[in-house]
Amino acid sequence: MDKAVDASGTAPAGSEGGPTTAARSGTPVASGCFLSQGGAEDRVDDLTLRALNLVEEAQAGAAARVLAVAEAALREPTGEISDGPAAMHFARVVALTRLDDLPAAIAAAGLMLTAADREGSAGWRSCALSLRATRRLRLGDQDIAEYDIEAVLRDLVSAEIALLADEPDPVIRGNAHTGIAIGYAQLRLYELAVPQFQAAYEATCRASYPDNGNRAMWLCNLAELNLIWALELYQIGQVAEAEKLTTVAEEYAVRAAAEASGPRAQVWRLSALLYAACSRADRQDPAEAAADIPRYVALLKGYGLKEQHQELLLCRPFHAVALRRSGRPDEALRVIQDAVASLAPDTDWLISAALHRTHAVLLAANGSPDAVPGLTYGDALAELLWRQRQRWLHTAMTMQSYDVLRWQHEQAEQAAQTDPLTGVANRRGLDTFLQTLAASGTAAEQPVAVLAADIDRFKHINDSLGHATGDDVLRAVAQLLTSNVRTGDLVARLGGDEFVAILPGAGTVAATEVAQRVVRAIAGLTAWPVRVRVSVGVASGRAYSFEEALTRADSAMYAAKRAGGNRASVSA
């Protein structure tokens, strides 16, 4: 995969209409196909839409302008590029890649990763990691001193693990899966790339997804990936396994032809039919494949694909095989000779190797003794490269196994420290937070403010409206407490309708302002026929004496209740 790539690692200008640009673009954006969104629950937000439009502009040749626009947008919040949103960092990475500044693009992907973590976006985190991986891989191809396959695999595996968390936006999630698939495909780790392309396809299957051709595109990518995989297996003599993959490729291609839709449906359909014809070349009815392949190639050329387009070069070995199996060896040799003659320096090495090997096989079959030494050497080299691929695959799968187990352990630990009803910390989570605070040395000497909150007349709410409504009220109160404290503060439910908020480094004045905001916010809830009110007690102390501060905050909360509730009270 990733064959229609120019020197920048992204789709060249004018290639947006190409049948499988997404698989080859080097960036997880598919020919603008993610840019037209529809449906209520899946509608992409304005910032993401703007960023994706910028990505499309960069891929179309306006990278310098896009870089300036993206950097201006990133500076808007604080004046620092690093503090901008992940979506705009995404556009900046692509623009820098198109400008062939790979070191800067790698650094920009790191800033995007930080932004994604700041925003809590699993999808953007995954995109950032796969972007960094593919650019590291390309930089290593240019400069052996920068070659670090372990770092590339680490980023790709980490990108996969990131998606184990929920990413509600199907567009971002689809882009994330595509980025991972591109990275694995560039490394020929087909077993790992296939499920990522499948996941990207599944993201387009939501009823609210626009009719833009994405579904056929992903199926074409899957067909193409299986054909490339088969080519490599043929080179190491695993013919039966290769034929299984061409069978799978045909299944994907037939589905793609049936599901082609959107503004470029005919291009997707022709690409799918071309791949289906290639899939038949080594199996049933080679004569029909020999006729269909050049016909679909000619039709695709009518849509702008050139003879050197690597999608068309991929089909040449299959065309030659179909001709030879149809009893037309001279035509087979002429087709492969023309293809070899048209190879460009930047042609994907695997396709180039397949063309040269097919040429040597045909020459040897015609009795040419000169072809045998080259064929022997080529087969030995293919076997060596296959073993290298297997080592990379083993490394990646080992990383995956370890990281999945670690993620599962972290999820179990997080669940044990989280109140299942409200999603805030439970008492165990509170204790862990305080232990961490106390263990941080000087932080234990720093001030810490405590808010103790209790819902007024909560029993009446339960008795009059039912426990289901009571649960909704608890969730609403927890959410408002969380939204009114800072990142790094903690909200916990101690039980019943009792909550606490811990504000490290905050004094009494700042904590009182937070408490008053919480009281006002909760009093403004109008979802139920009874008014929800809360009493909040405020106290401050040192982190190492938290229990004392909590006791005083609790006393202040009861003082607020005795005064009529719906207020904040500060410990004396």
Protein backbone atom coordinates (compact mmCIF):
# COMPACT_ATOMS: atom_id res chain seq x y z
CA MET A 1 0.00 0.00 0.00
CA ASP A 2 0.93 3.70 0.25
CA LYS A 3 2.02 3.70 -3.39
CA ALA A 4 0.62 6.96 -4.80
CA VAL A 5 2.92 8.98 -2.61
CA ASP A 6 5.05 11.90 -3.67
CA ALA A 7 8.24 13.01 -1.97
CA SER A 8 6.34 14.48 0.96
CA GLY A 9 4.62 11.26 1.94
CA THR A 10 1.14 12.58 1.16
CA ALA A 11 -1.07 12.30 -1.89
CA PRO A 12 0.21 14.38 -4.80
CA ALA A 13 -1.83 17.26 -6.12
CA GLY A 14 -4.57 16.09 -8.40
CA SER A 15 -4.66 12.60 -6.94
CA GLU A 16 -7.71 13.22 -4.77
CA GLY A 17 -9.86 11.47 -7.33
CA GLY A 18 -7.65 8.39 -7.36
CA PRO A 19 -9.47 5.22 -6.38
CA THR A 20 -7.45 4.40 -3.28
CA THR A 21 -5.72 7.61 -2.33
CA ALA A 22 -6.58 7.11 1.34
CA ALA A 23 -4.51 3.97 1.58
CA ARG A 24 -1.53 5.66 0.00
CA SER A 25 -1.69 9.23 1.17
CA GLY A 26 0.51 8.75 4.22
CA THR A 27 -2.05 10.75 6.21
CA PRO A 28 -5.24 9.35 7.70
CA VAL A 29 -7.57 11.42 5.54
CA ALA A 30 -9.26 9.83 2.59
CA SER A 31 -9.35 12.08 -0.47
CA GLY A 32 -11.67 14.54 1.20
CA CYS A 33 -14.20 11.77 1.72
CA PHE A 34 -14.43 12.50 5.43
CA LEU A 35 -15.17 16.16 4.83
CA SER A 36 -18.86 16.07 4.04
CA GLN A 37 -20.62 14.98 7.18
CA GLY A 38 -24.24 14.13 7.81
CA GLY A 39 -26.41 12.83 10.58
CA ALA A 40 -27.18 14.33 13.98
CA GLU A 41 -25.25 12.14 16.37
CA ASP A 42 -22.17 11.76 14.13
CA ARG A 43 -21.83 15.32 12.83
CA VAL A 44 -18.24 16.45 12.91
CA ASP A 45 -17.66 19.63 14.91
CA ASP A 46 -16.69 22.84 13.14
CA LEU A 47 -13.05 22.76 14.30
CA THR A 48 -12.51 19.22 13.04
CA LEU A 49 -14.25 20.05 9.76
CA ARG A 50 -12.01 23.09 9.32
CA ALA A 51 -8.88 21.03 10.03
CA LEU A 52 -9.86 18.30 7.59
CA ASN A 53 -10.54 20.87 4.89
CA LEU A 54 -7.05 22.26 5.49
CA VAL A 55 -5.61 18.76 5.16
CA GLU A 56 -7.31 18.37 1.80
CA GLU A 57 -5.88 21.74 0.69
CA ALA A 58 -2.38 20.69 1.76
CA GLN A 59 -2.67 17.46 -0.19
CA ALA A 60 -3.85 19.42 -3.21
CA GLY A 61 -0.68 21.54 -3.26
CA ALA A 62 -1.36 24.48 -0.93
CA ALA A 63 0.82 23.23 1.92
CA ALA A 64 2.58 26.55 2.61
CA ARG A 65 -0.73 28.39 2.97
CA VAL A 66 -2.18 25.63 5.11
CA LEU A 67 0.86 25.73 7.40
CA ALA A 68 0.39 29.46 7.97
CA VAL A 69 -3.33 29.12 8.62
CA ALA A 70 -2.89 26.15 10.97
CA GLU A 71 -0.15 27.84 12.98
CA ALA A 72 -2.22 31.01 13.32
CA ALA A 73 -5.14 28.96 14.61
CA LEU A 74 -2.88 27.08 17.01
CA ARG A 75 -1.61 30.35 18.51
CA GLU A 76 -5.10 31.73 19.15
CA PRO A 77 -5.63 30.31 22.68
CA THR A 78 -2.38 31.48 24.33
CA GLY A 79 0.01 32.65 21.64
CA GLU A 80 1.93 29.36 21.79
CA ILE A 81 1.62 26.77 19.03
CA SER A 82 1.84 23.95 21.56
CA ASP A 83 -1.37 25.06 23.31
CA GLY A 84 -3.62 24.80 20.26
CA PRO A 85 -6.20 22.07 19.52
CA ALA A 86 -5.25 18.61 18.27
CA ALA A 87 -7.30 19.01 15.08
CA MET A 88 -5.16 21.94 13.96
CA HIS A 89 -1.96 20.14 14.92
CA PHE A 90 -3.17 17.42 12.55
CA ALA A 91 -3.35 19.91 9.66
CA ARG A 92 0.10 21.25 10.58
CA VAL A 93 1.68 17.77 10.50
CA VAL A 94 0.30 17.13 7.02
CA ALA A 95 1.41 20.54 5.74
CA LEU A 96 4.96 20.06 7.05
CA THR A 97 5.06 16.61 5.46
CA ARG A 98 3.97 18.00 2.11
CA LEU A 99 6.74 20.61 2.43
CA ASP A 100 9.17 17.69 2.91
CA ASP A 101 10.24 18.80 6.39
CA LEU A 102 9.98 15.40 8.03
CA PRO A 103 11.86 16.26 11.26
CA ALA A 104 9.50 19.19 11.84
CA ALA A 105 6.50 16.98 11.00
CA ILE A 106 7.64 14.41 13.57
CA ALA A 107 8.00 17.13 16.21
CA ALA A 108 4.58 18.49 15.24
CA ALA A 109 3.06 15.04 15.71
CA GLY A 110 4.49 15.06 19.24
CA LEU A 111 2.72 18.38 19.95
CA MET A 112 -0.48 16.90 18.53
CA LEU A 113 -0.12 13.95 20.89
CA THR A 114 0.16 16.30 23.89
CA ALA A 115 -2.88 18.24 22.70
CA ALA A 116 -4.90 15.05 22.24
CA ASP A 117 -4.07 13.93 25.77
CA ARG A 118 -5.00 17.38 27.08
CA GLU A 119 -8.37 17.10 25.32
CA GLY A 120 -8.89 13.50 26.39
CA SER A 121 -9.38 12.40 22.77
CA ALA A 122 -8.51 8.77 22.14
CA GLY A 123 -8.99 9.21 18.39
CA TRP A 124 -6.70 12.20 17.98
CA ARG A 125 -4.12 10.50 20.23
CA SER A 126 -4.16 7.49 17.91
CA CYS A 127 -3.87 9.72 14.82
CA ALA A 128 -0.89 11.56 16.31
CA LEU A 129 0.94 8.32 17.07
CA SER A 130 0.38 6.83 13.61
CA LEU A 131 1.37 10.11 11.94
CA ARG A 132 4.62 10.14 13.90
CA ALA A 133 5.25 6.49 13.07
CA THR A 134 4.83 6.86 9.31
CA ARG A 135 6.99 9.97 9.20
CA ARG A 136 9.69 8.30 11.27
CA LEU A 137 9.60 5.41 8.83
CA ARG A 138 9.97 7.68 5.83
CA LEU A 139 12.75 9.70 7.45
CA GLY A 140 14.58 6.45 8.18
CA ASP A 141 14.33 5.55 4.50
CA GLN A 142 16.03 8.85 3.65
CA ASP A 143 18.65 8.84 6.43
CA ILE A 144 19.85 5.54 7.90
CA ALA A 145 20.92 7.39 11.07
CA GLU A 146 17.22 8.09 11.69
CA TYR A 147 16.11 4.49 11.09
CA ASP A 148 14.39 3.17 14.20
CA ILE A 149 11.94 0.37 13.43
CA GLU A 150 11.29 -0.30 17.13
CA ALA A 151 10.14 3.30 17.68
CA VAL A 152 7.87 3.04 14.62
CA LEU A 153 6.31 -0.19 15.86
CA ARG A 154 5.93 1.24 19.37
CA ASP A 155 3.96 4.21 18.03
CA LEU A 156 1.74 2.02 15.82
CA VAL A 157 0.96 -0.39 18.65
CA SER A 158 0.31 2.51 21.03
CA ALA A 159 -2.04 4.00 18.41
CA GLU A 160 -3.98 0.73 18.41
CA ILE A 161 -4.15 0.61 22.21
CA ALA A 162 -5.44 4.19 22.29
CA LEU A 163 -8.50 3.09 20.31
CA LEU A 164 -9.41 0.54 22.98
CA ALA A 165 -10.84 3.59 24.76
CA ASP A 166 -14.03 5.03 23.36
CA GLU A 167 -13.80 7.56 20.52
CA PRO A 168 -17.37 8.77 19.91
CA ASP A 169 -16.64 10.62 16.67
CA PRO A 170 -16.70 8.01 13.85
CA VAL A 171 -14.84 10.37 11.52
CA ILE A 172 -11.87 10.78 13.86
CA ARG A 173 -12.00 7.07 14.66
CA GLY A 174 -12.01 6.18 10.97
CA ASN A 175 -9.02 8.45 10.36
CA ALA A 176 -7.22 6.83 13.29
CA HIS A 177 -7.73 3.29 12.00
CA THR A 178 -6.59 4.41 8.54
CA GLY A 179 -3.37 5.90 9.92
CA ILE A 180 -2.52 2.66 11.70
CA ALA A 181 -3.36 0.62 8.61
CA ILE A 182 -1.07 2.77 6.46
CA GLY A 183 1.82 2.30 8.87
CA TYR A 184 1.44 -1.46 9.08
CA ALA A 185 0.99 -1.72 5.31
CA GLN A 186 4.21 0.23 4.71
CA LEU A 187 5.98 -2.35 6.88
CA ARG A 188 4.24 -5.23 5.01
CA LEU A 189 2.60 -6.35 8.25
CA TYR A 190 -0.50 -7.36 6.34
CA GLU A 191 -2.03 -9.35 9.19
CA LEU A 192 -2.11 -6.16 11.28
CA ALA A 193 -3.13 -3.76 8.51
CA VAL A 194 -6.19 -5.75 7.38
CA PRO A 195 -8.23 -5.40 10.62
CA GLN A 196 -7.47 -1.67 10.70
CA PHE A 197 -8.85 -1.15 7.19
CA GLN A 198 -11.83 -3.29 8.17
CA ALA A 199 -12.44 -1.07 11.20
CA ALA A 200 -12.24 2.04 9.02
CA TYR A 201 -14.83 0.47 6.71
CA GLU A 202 -17.10 -0.33 9.63
CA ALA A 203 -16.96 3.29 10.77
CA THR A 204 -18.62 4.28 7.48
CA CYS A 205 -21.46 1.79 7.92
CA ARG A 206 -23.42 3.94 10.38
CA ALA A 207 -26.77 4.96 9.01
CA SER A 208 -25.93 8.65 9.46
CA TYR A 209 -22.71 8.46 7.44
CA PRO A 210 -22.82 10.46 4.18
CA ASP A 211 -23.00 8.72 0.83
CA ASN A 212 -19.51 9.72 -0.26
CA GLY A 213 -17.87 6.55 -1.54
CA ASN A 214 -15.86 5.71 1.56
CA ARG A 215 -17.26 2.21 1.94
CA ALA A 216 -16.19 1.13 -1.55
CA MET A 217 -12.82 2.82 -1.03
CA TRP A 218 -12.00 0.78 2.09
CA LEU A 219 -13.09 -2.43 0.37
CA CYS A 220 -10.85 -1.58 -2.58
CA ASN A 221 -8.00 -0.98 -0.14
CA LEU A 222 -8.59 -4.42 1.37
CA ALA A 223 -8.67 -6.04 -2.06
CA GLU A 224 -5.45 -4.28 -3.06
CA LEU A 225 -3.69 -5.17 0.20
CA ASN A 226 -4.49 -8.85 -0.27
CA LEU A 227 -3.21 -8.76 -3.85
CA ILE A 228 0.10 -7.21 -2.72
CA TRP A 229 0.35 -9.78 0.05
CA ALA A 230 -0.20 -12.51 -2.56
CA LEU A 231 2.56 -11.08 -4.77
CA GLU A 232 5.04 -11.37 -1.93
CA LEU A 233 3.98 -14.94 -1.19
CA TYR A 234 4.42 -15.89 -4.84
CA GLN A 235 8.00 -14.61 -4.66
CA ILE A 236 8.84 -17.02 -1.83
CA GLY A 237 7.08 -19.98 -3.45
CA GLN A 238 3.99 -20.12 -1.20
CA VAL A 239 1.60 -20.49 -4.13
CA ALA A 240 -1.30 -22.11 -2.28
CA GLU A 241 -1.32 -19.36 0.37
CA ALA A 242 -1.09 -16.72 -2.33
CA GLU A 243 -4.13 -18.15 -4.12
CA LYS A 244 -6.11 -18.06 -0.87
CA LEU A 245 -5.37 -14.35 -0.64
CA THR A 246 -6.40 -13.65 -4.22
CA THR A 247 -9.68 -15.39 -3.40
CA VAL A 248 -10.14 -13.04 -0.44
CA ALA A 249 -9.16 -10.08 -2.62
CA GLU A 250 -11.86 -11.00 -5.14
CA GLU A 251 -14.49 -11.16 -2.39
CA TYR A 252 -13.59 -7.65 -1.22
CA ALA A 253 -13.49 -6.37 -4.80
CA VAL A 254 -16.93 -7.79 -5.64
CA ARG A 255 -18.36 -6.17 -2.52
CA ALA A 256 -16.69 -2.86 -3.42
CA ALA A 257 -18.22 -2.90 -6.89
CA ALA A 258 -21.65 -3.56 -5.40
CA GLU A 259 -21.32 -0.85 -2.73
CA ALA A 260 -19.78 1.87 -4.92
CA SER A 261 -21.70 5.09 -4.41
CA GLY A 262 -21.25 8.80 -4.02
CA PRO A 263 -19.94 11.36 -6.51
CA ARG A 264 -17.17 9.10 -7.86
CA ALA A 265 -19.02 5.80 -7.76
CA GLN A 266 -17.92 4.81 -11.25
CA VAL A 267 -14.22 5.21 -10.40
CA TRP A 268 -14.60 3.01 -7.32
CA ARG A 269 -16.57 0.47 -9.33
CA LEU A 270 -13.94 0.27 -12.08
CA SER A 271 -11.14 -0.08 -9.53
CA ALA A 272 -13.04 -2.87 -7.81
CA LEU A 273 -13.68 -4.68 -11.08
CA LEU A 274 -10.00 -4.34 -12.01
CA TYR A 275 -8.94 -5.92 -8.71
CA ALA A 276 -11.52 -8.68 -9.14
CA ALA A 277 -10.09 -9.44 -12.59
CA CYS A 278 -6.54 -9.56 -11.17
CA SER A 279 -7.75 -11.95 -8.49
CA ARG A 280 -8.98 -14.39 -11.12
CA ALA A 281 -5.71 -14.42 -13.10
CA ASP A 282 -4.09 -17.21 -11.08
CA ARG A 283 -7.26 -19.22 -10.54
CA GLN A 284 -10.41 -19.68 -12.56
CA ASP A 285 -10.91 -18.36 -16.09
CA PRO A 286 -7.56 -16.68 -16.83
CA ALA A 287 -8.73 -15.90 -20.39
CA GLU A 288 -11.52 -13.69 -19.06
CA ALA A 289 -9.07 -12.00 -16.65
CA ALA A 290 -6.64 -11.40 -19.54
CA ALA A 291 -9.41 -9.56 -21.40
CA ASP A 292 -10.86 -7.68 -18.41
CA ILE A 293 -7.64 -6.27 -16.92
CA PRO A 294 -6.61 -4.10 -19.93
CA ARG A 295 -10.22 -3.05 -20.47
CA TYR A 296 -10.61 -1.69 -16.93
CA VAL A 297 -7.12 -0.14 -17.05
CA ALA A 298 -8.11 1.78 -20.20
CA LEU A 299 -11.32 2.98 -18.57
CA LEU A 300 -9.47 4.15 -15.45
CA LYS A 301 -6.98 6.02 -17.60
CA GLY A 302 -9.97 7.94 -18.85
CA TYR A 303 -10.40 9.20 -15.29
CA GLY A 304 -6.84 10.51 -15.16
CA LEU A 305 -4.71 7.56 -14.00
CA LYS A 306 -1.34 7.40 -15.78
CA GLU A 307 0.49 4.31 -16.99
CA GLN A 308 3.05 4.80 -14.19
CA HIS A 309 0.34 4.98 -11.54
CA GLN A 310 1.28 2.22 -9.17
CA GLU A 311 -2.26 0.87 -8.98
CA LEU A 312 -1.97 0.07 -12.68
CA LEU A 313 1.55 -1.32 -12.29
CA LEU A 314 0.25 -3.65 -9.57
CA CYS A 315 -2.06 -5.21 -12.15
CA ARG A 316 0.67 -5.98 -14.71
CA PRO A 317 2.04 -9.17 -13.12
CA PHE A 318 -1.49 -10.53 -12.87
CA HIS A 319 -2.20 -9.56 -16.48
CA ALA A 320 0.96 -11.33 -17.64
CA VAL A 321 0.07 -14.45 -15.64
CA ALA A 322 -3.43 -14.48 -17.09
CA LEU A 323 -2.04 -14.21 -20.63
CA ARG A 324 0.52 -16.97 -20.08
CA ARG A 325 -2.12 -19.27 -18.56
CA SER A 326 -4.35 -18.51 -21.56
CA GLY A 327 -1.68 -19.80 -23.96
CA ARG A 328 -0.39 -16.36 -25.02
CA PRO A 329 3.21 -16.31 -23.73
CA ASP A 330 4.53 -13.77 -26.25
CA GLU A 331 1.86 -11.24 -25.27
CA ALA A 332 2.57 -11.95 -21.59
CA LEU A 333 6.26 -11.19 -22.09
CA ARG A 334 5.50 -7.98 -24.01
CA VAL A 335 3.13 -6.73 -21.25
CA ILE A 336 5.70 -7.31 -18.52
CA GLN A 337 8.55 -5.82 -20.55
CA ASP A 338 6.52 -2.64 -21.13
CA ALA A 339 5.72 -2.47 -17.42
CA VAL A 340 9.37 -2.89 -16.40
CA ALA A 341 10.38 -0.21 -18.89
CA SER A 342 7.89 2.25 -17.38
CA LEU A 343 9.10 1.83 -13.79
CA ALA A 344 9.93 5.12 -12.06
CA PRO A 345 12.66 5.46 -9.39
CA ASP A 346 10.09 5.93 -6.63
CA THR A 347 7.98 2.89 -7.56
CA ASP A 348 7.09 0.73 -4.57
CA TRP A 349 9.94 -1.77 -4.26
CA LEU A 350 7.65 -4.76 -3.80
CA ILE A 351 5.74 -4.07 -7.01
CA SER A 352 9.03 -3.41 -8.80
CA ALA A 353 10.39 -6.73 -7.51
CA ALA A 354 7.22 -8.55 -8.58
CA LEU A 355 7.47 -7.11 -12.09
CA HIS A 356 11.13 -8.05 -12.45
CA ARG A 357 10.53 -11.55 -11.07
CA THR A 358 7.58 -12.13 -13.40
CA HIS A 359 9.77 -10.94 -16.27
CA ALA A 360 12.51 -13.41 -15.28
CA VAL A 361 10.03 -16.27 -14.90
CA LEU A 362 8.63 -15.64 -18.38
CA LEU A 363 12.11 -15.39 -19.89
CA ALA A 364 13.15 -18.63 -18.19
CA ALA A 365 9.98 -20.34 -19.45
CA ASN A 366 10.94 -19.24 -22.96
CA GLY A 367 14.32 -20.97 -22.56
CA SER A 368 16.49 -17.94 -21.80
CA PRO A 369 19.48 -19.14 -19.72
CA ASP A 370 20.35 -15.56 -18.74
CA ALA A 371 17.21 -15.29 -16.61
CA VAL A 372 18.07 -18.16 -14.25
CA PRO A 373 20.85 -16.50 -12.17
CA GLY A 374 18.80 -13.36 -11.68
CA LEU A 375 15.75 -15.39 -10.72
CA THR A 376 17.76 -17.42 -8.20
CA TYR A 377 19.21 -14.28 -6.63
CA GLY A 378 15.83 -12.55 -6.56
CA ASP A 379 14.16 -15.50 -4.87
CA ALA A 380 16.89 -15.65 -2.21
CA LEU A 381 16.51 -11.94 -1.54
CA ALA A 382 12.72 -12.27 -1.33
CA GLU A 383 13.10 -15.05 1.24
CA LEU A 384 15.46 -12.88 3.29
CA LEU A 385 13.04 -9.93 3.22
CA TRP A 386 10.16 -12.21 4.20
CA ARG A 387 12.08 -13.39 7.26
CA GLN A 388 12.76 -9.77 8.18
CA ARG A 389 9.03 -9.08 7.87
CA GLN A 390 8.28 -12.03 10.14
CA ARG A 391 10.63 -10.66 12.80
CA TRP A 392 8.90 -7.28 12.68
CA LEU A 393 5.53 -9.01 12.92
CA HIS A 394 6.65 -11.00 15.96
CA THR A 395 7.93 -7.83 17.63
CA ALA A 396 4.71 -5.94 16.95
CA MET A 397 2.49 -8.76 18.20
CA THR A 398 4.58 -9.11 21.36
CA MET A 399 4.20 -5.38 21.98
CA GLN A 400 0.45 -5.66 21.37
CA SER A 401 0.03 -8.52 23.84
CA TYR A 402 1.93 -6.71 26.56
CA ASP A 403 0.16 -3.38 26.01
CA VAL A 404 -3.30 -4.93 25.91
CA LEU A 405 -2.66 -6.68 29.21
CA ARG A 406 -1.36 -3.45 30.72
CA TRP A 407 -4.37 -1.51 29.43
CA GLN A 408 -6.76 -4.11 30.84
CA HIS A 409 -5.01 -3.92 34.21
CA GLU A 410 -5.23 -0.12 34.19
CA GLN A 411 -8.92 -0.27 33.27
CA ALA A 412 -9.61 -2.73 36.09
CA GLU A 413 -7.72 -0.54 38.55
CA GLN A 414 -9.58 2.54 37.36
CA ALA A 415 -12.93 0.74 37.67
CA ALA A 416 -12.05 -0.26 41.23
CA GLN A 417 -11.47 3.42 42.07
CA THR A 418 -14.54 4.83 40.30
CA ASP A 419 -18.11 5.19 41.50
CA PRO A 420 -20.10 3.24 38.89
CA LEU A 421 -23.20 5.44 39.16
CA THR A 422 -21.67 8.89 38.74
CA GLY A 423 -18.29 8.18 37.14
CA VAL A 424 -16.36 10.21 39.74
CA ALA A 425 -13.88 8.68 42.18
CA ASN A 426 -15.05 6.49 45.06
CA ARG A 427 -13.47 6.35 48.51
CA ARG A 428 -10.69 4.10 47.22
CA GLY A 429 -9.98 6.54 44.42
CA LEU A 430 -9.89 9.38 46.92
CA ASP A 431 -7.41 7.50 49.11
CA THR A 432 -5.16 6.79 46.11
CA PHE A 433 -5.25 10.46 45.11
CA LEU A 434 -4.29 11.55 48.61
CA GLN A 435 -1.50 8.96 48.85
CA THR A 436 -0.05 10.24 45.60
CA LEU A 437 -0.30 13.80 46.86
CA ALA A 438 1.40 12.95 50.13
CA ALA A 439 4.15 10.99 48.36
CA SER A 440 5.11 13.94 46.18
CA GLY A 441 7.35 15.48 48.82
CA THR A 442 6.95 19.25 48.94
CA ALA A 443 3.36 18.91 47.66
CA ALA A 444 2.43 17.41 51.02
CA GLU A 445 3.35 20.73 52.64
CA GLN A 446 1.28 22.76 50.17
CA PRO A 447 -2.22 24.02 50.95
CA VAL A 448 -5.17 21.94 49.91
CA ALA A 449 -8.81 23.00 49.92
CA VAL A 450 -11.68 20.61 50.59
CA LEU A 451 -15.30 20.98 49.54
CA ALA A 452 -17.85 18.73 51.24
CA ALA A 453 -21.19 18.74 49.39
CA ASP A 454 -24.50 17.16 50.35
CA ILE A 455 -27.79 17.34 48.42
CA ASP A 456 -30.55 19.04 50.39
CA ARG A 457 -33.62 16.88 51.11
CA PHE A 458 -32.36 14.09 48.89
CA LYS A 459 -34.57 11.53 50.64
CA HIS A 460 -37.60 13.57 49.61
CA ILE A 461 -36.46 13.46 45.98
CA ASN A 462 -36.11 9.67 46.15
CA ASP A 463 -39.45 9.20 47.92
CA SER A 464 -41.46 11.52 45.68
CA LEU A 465 -39.87 10.90 42.27
CA GLY A 466 -38.35 7.45 42.65
CA HIS A 467 -34.82 6.13 42.90
CA ALA A 468 -34.23 6.31 39.15
CA THR A 469 -34.72 10.07 39.29
CA GLY A 470 -32.58 10.18 42.41
CA ASP A 471 -29.79 8.49 40.45
CA ASP A 472 -30.16 11.09 37.68
CA VAL A 473 -29.83 13.86 40.25
CA LEU A 474 -26.67 12.28 41.68
CA ARG A 475 -25.15 12.07 38.21
CA ALA A 476 -26.04 15.70 37.47
CA VAL A 477 -24.51 16.92 40.73
CA ALA A 478 -21.33 14.91 40.09
CA GLN A 479 -21.06 16.37 36.60
CA LEU A 480 -21.48 19.95 37.81
CA LEU A 481 -18.93 19.47 40.56
CA THR A 482 -16.46 18.07 38.02
CA SER A 483 -17.02 20.84 35.49
CA ASN A 484 -16.43 23.55 38.11
CA VAL A 485 -13.05 22.35 39.37
CA ARG A 486 -9.68 22.42 37.61
CA THR A 487 -7.86 19.72 35.72
CA GLY A 488 -5.86 17.93 38.39
CA ASP A 489 -8.48 18.42 41.10
CA LEU A 490 -10.51 15.44 42.28
CA VAL A 491 -14.23 14.90 42.81
CA ALA A 492 -15.30 11.84 44.76
CA ARG A 493 -18.58 10.37 45.96
CA LEU A 494 -18.21 9.07 49.51
CA GLY A 495 -21.61 7.38 49.55
CA GLY A 496 -25.29 8.26 49.36
CA ASP A 497 -25.55 11.90 48.35
CA GLU A 498 -22.20 12.94 49.89
CA PHE A 499 -19.48 14.31 47.64
CA VAL A 500 -16.07 15.88 48.20
CA ALA A 501 -13.83 17.91 45.95
CA ILE A 502 -10.08 18.16 46.60
CA LEU A 503 -8.30 21.24 45.24
CA PRO A 504 -4.51 20.94 45.73
CA GLY A 505 -2.73 24.28 46.02
CA ALA A 506 -5.99 26.23 46.46
CA GLY A 507 -6.67 28.51 49.42
CA THR A 508 -9.93 29.24 51.18
CA VAL A 509 -10.88 32.22 49.00
CA ALA A 510 -10.51 30.36 45.70
CA ALA A 511 -12.28 27.29 47.08
CA THR A 512 -15.18 29.41 48.33
CA GLU A 513 -15.64 30.87 44.85
CA VAL A 514 -15.78 27.33 43.41
CA ALA A 515 -18.31 26.29 46.08
CA GLN A 516 -20.56 29.24 45.31
CA ARG A 517 -20.43 28.48 41.57
CA VAL A 518 -21.43 24.90 42.29
CA VAL A 519 -24.36 25.98 44.48
CA ARG A 520 -25.63 28.34 41.77
CA ALA A 521 -25.17 25.78 38.99
CA ILE A 522 -27.07 23.06 40.84
CA ALA A 523 -29.85 25.46 41.81
CA GLY A 524 -30.24 26.18 38.11
CA LEU A 525 -31.13 22.58 37.25
CA THR A 526 -34.66 22.43 35.83
CA ALA A 527 -34.98 18.84 34.61
CA TRP A 528 -37.23 17.69 37.47
CA PRO A 529 -40.46 18.94 39.10
CA VAL A 530 -38.67 19.46 42.41
CA ARG A 531 -35.84 21.96 42.82
CA VAL A 532 -32.43 20.46 43.52
CA ARG A 533 -30.34 22.26 46.10
CA VAL A 534 -26.98 21.55 47.66
CA SER A 535 -25.11 22.58 50.79
CA VAL A 536 -21.33 22.92 50.54
CA GLY A 537 -18.76 23.21 53.30
CA VAL A 538 -15.32 24.67 52.62
CA ALA A 539 -12.10 24.18 54.58
CA SER A 540 -8.40 24.29 53.82
CA GLY A 541 -5.26 22.90 55.36
CA ARG A 542 -2.12 21.00 54.44
CA ALA A 543 -2.14 17.89 52.31
CA TYR A 544 -0.60 15.80 55.07
CA SER A 545 -3.48 16.74 57.41
CA PHE A 546 -6.28 16.19 54.92
CA GLU A 547 -8.53 14.26 57.32
CA GLU A 548 -8.65 17.26 59.63
CA ALA A 549 -9.58 19.55 56.75
CA LEU A 550 -12.27 17.09 55.63
CA THR A 551 -13.77 17.02 59.14
CA ARG A 552 -13.91 20.82 59.24
CA ALA A 553 -15.42 20.98 55.72
CA ASP A 554 -18.03 18.44 56.79
CA SER A 555 -18.92 20.56 59.84
CA ALA A 556 -19.20 23.64 57.64
CA MET A 557 -21.51 21.74 55.27
CA TYR A 558 -23.86 20.87 58.16
CA ALA A 559 -23.78 24.53 59.23
CA ALA A 560 -24.95 25.43 55.72
CA LYS A 561 -27.81 22.93 56.04
CA ARG A 562 -28.86 24.35 59.42
CA ALA A 563 -28.95 27.79 57.83
CA GLY A 564 -31.50 26.56 55.29
CA GLY A 565 -29.30 24.87 52.67
CA ASN A 566 -28.64 25.99 49.12
CA ARG A 567 -25.48 27.79 50.18
CA ALA A 568 -21.77 27.48 50.88
CA SER A 569 -20.31 27.79 54.35
CA VAL A 570 -16.65 28.29 55.24
CA SER A 571 -15.04 26.58 58.19
CA ALA A 572 -13.99 29.00 60.90
